[in-house]
Amino acid sequence: MSKIQSHANCEHVSTKAARAQCRRSRAKFADMLSTVAAEGVTTIETPAPVFEPVRVTAENWREFRETPVRIAVRLTDDEESEVATGVKISGWGKQWINYVNDEGKTKRTTISCTYAETVEA
């Protein structure tokens, strides 16, 4: 993969996970361009960037305070019930997660079988 050094022109949140995701995405794109250039192609269609959600946990939730997340309850291995999407986590306790919805209201959900992951903004 190509090496990416600067995030000065990036619009992602300033977290370690977001920077790593950006580097991977940009490196894949740079590798694709170098392959196409070696083949002598002058025009190409660029694919949309691939979004990989990041699992938010009690240990790392503060890194994602300003990142929209999806909160869901895992019912079975293949089934889940969505609690909220595009919300920002404002607190995380032993038995609950606080989040701010799009109306600016703080809501709370219990932790049992609940998980959170980032969503594409």
Protein backbone atom coordinates (compact mmCIF):
# COMPACT_ATOMS: atom_id res chain seq x y z
CA MET A 1 0.00 0.00 0.00
CA SER A 2 1.06 3.57 -0.55
CA LYS A 3 2.04 5.67 2.42
CA ILE A 4 -0.18 8.65 3.33
CA GLN A 5 1.40 11.27 5.58
CA SER A 6 -1.02 14.17 6.12
CA HIS A 7 -4.68 14.58 7.06
CA ALA A 8 -4.66 18.37 6.66
CA ASN A 9 -7.25 18.29 3.86
CA CYS A 10 -9.42 15.54 5.36
CA GLU A 11 -12.91 16.10 6.74
CA HIS A 12 -13.08 13.12 9.12
CA VAL A 13 -13.15 13.44 12.90
CA SER A 14 -9.80 13.80 14.58
CA THR A 15 -9.55 10.34 16.15
CA LYS A 16 -7.04 7.56 15.82
CA ALA A 17 -9.64 5.22 14.30
CA ALA A 18 -10.83 7.79 11.75
CA ARG A 19 -7.27 8.59 10.68
CA ALA A 20 -6.48 4.88 10.26
CA GLN A 21 -9.61 4.36 8.18
CA CYS A 22 -8.71 7.39 6.04
CA ARG A 23 -5.15 6.11 5.47
CA ARG A 24 -6.41 2.67 4.39
CA SER A 25 -8.97 4.18 2.03
CA ARG A 26 -6.51 6.65 0.49
CA ALA A 27 -3.80 3.98 0.13
CA LYS A 28 -6.18 1.63 -1.71
CA PHE A 29 -7.13 4.49 -4.04
CA ALA A 30 -3.47 5.40 -4.68
CA ASP A 31 -2.61 1.76 -5.42
CA MET A 32 -5.49 1.55 -7.88
CA LEU A 33 -4.33 4.72 -9.65
CA SER A 34 -0.75 3.46 -9.97
CA THR A 35 -2.01 0.16 -11.42
CA VAL A 36 -4.20 1.97 -13.94
CA ALA A 37 -1.37 4.34 -14.89
CA ALA A 38 0.95 1.37 -15.49
CA GLU A 39 -1.61 -0.11 -17.90
CA GLY A 40 -1.75 3.13 -19.90
CA VAL A 41 -5.43 3.89 -19.28
CA THR A 42 -6.18 7.62 -19.47
CA THR A 43 -9.70 7.73 -17.96
CA ILE A 44 -11.16 5.78 -15.08
CA GLU A 45 -14.26 5.76 -12.92
CA THR A 46 -13.47 6.11 -9.25
CA PRO A 47 -15.44 3.97 -6.80
CA ALA A 48 -17.20 5.47 -3.82
CA PRO A 49 -15.15 5.18 -0.64
CA VAL A 50 -15.90 2.11 1.41
CA PHE A 51 -17.24 2.83 4.87
CA GLU A 52 -16.29 0.42 7.62
CA PRO A 53 -18.20 0.98 10.86
CA VAL A 54 -16.13 1.14 14.04
CA ARG A 55 -17.40 -0.62 17.15
CA VAL A 56 -17.91 1.86 19.98
CA THR A 57 -17.31 0.48 23.48
CA ALA A 58 -17.30 1.67 27.08
CA GLU A 59 -13.52 2.11 26.80
CA ASN A 60 -13.41 4.16 23.58
CA TRP A 61 -16.76 6.02 23.44
CA ARG A 62 -15.16 9.37 24.29
CA GLU A 63 -13.18 9.24 21.02
CA PHE A 64 -16.51 9.14 19.15
CA ARG A 65 -18.38 11.89 21.04
CA GLU A 66 -18.75 14.02 17.91
CA THR A 67 -19.21 11.08 15.54
CA PRO A 68 -22.72 9.96 14.54
CA VAL A 69 -23.37 6.43 15.77
CA ARG A 70 -25.96 3.72 15.41
CA ILE A 71 -27.23 2.10 18.61
CA ALA A 72 -28.98 -1.26 18.34
CA VAL A 73 -30.01 -4.21 20.48
CA ARG A 74 -28.77 -7.64 19.39
CA LEU A 75 -31.73 -10.04 19.57
CA THR A 76 -30.00 -13.06 18.04
CA ASP A 77 -26.86 -13.62 15.97
CA ASP A 78 -28.72 -12.59 12.81
CA GLU A 79 -31.39 -10.27 14.19
CA GLU A 80 -31.27 -6.85 15.82
CA SER A 81 -33.57 -4.02 16.78
CA GLU A 82 -32.39 -0.47 16.09
CA VAL A 83 -32.63 2.00 18.98
CA ALA A 84 -31.30 5.12 17.22
CA THR A 85 -29.18 6.10 14.20
CA GLY A 86 -27.13 9.24 13.58
CA VAL A 87 -27.03 10.15 17.27
CA LYS A 88 -24.06 11.27 19.35
CA ILE A 89 -23.15 9.48 22.57
CA SER A 90 -22.99 11.83 25.56
CA GLY A 91 -22.40 9.35 28.37
CA TRP A 92 -21.72 5.68 29.05
CA GLY A 93 -22.34 3.97 32.38
CA LYS A 94 -22.28 0.39 33.62
CA GLN A 95 -25.94 -0.17 32.74
CA TRP A 96 -26.85 2.59 30.26
CA ILE A 97 -25.81 4.72 27.27
CA ASN A 98 -26.86 8.38 27.02
CA TYR A 99 -27.17 9.87 23.55
CA VAL A 100 -28.32 13.15 22.02
CA ASN A 101 -30.86 12.81 19.20
CA ASP A 102 -31.29 15.11 16.19
CA GLU A 103 -33.69 17.33 18.18
CA GLY A 104 -30.99 17.97 20.79
CA LYS A 105 -32.75 15.91 23.48
CA THR A 106 -30.76 13.53 25.67
CA LYS A 107 -32.10 9.97 25.70
CA ARG A 108 -30.99 6.88 27.63
CA THR A 109 -30.99 3.20 26.71
CA THR A 110 -29.98 0.19 28.79
CA ILE A 111 -26.80 -1.71 27.98
CA SER A 112 -28.16 -5.29 28.02
CA CYS A 113 -27.45 -6.72 24.53
CA THR A 114 -26.93 -3.17 23.22
CA TYR A 115 -24.05 -2.20 20.96
CA ALA A 116 -23.02 0.97 19.16
CA GLU A 117 -21.08 1.53 15.94
CA THR A 118 -20.18 4.57 13.86
CA VAL A 119 -22.30 5.46 10.85
CA GLU A 120 -21.35 7.24 7.66
CA ALA A 121 -22.06 10.94 8.07
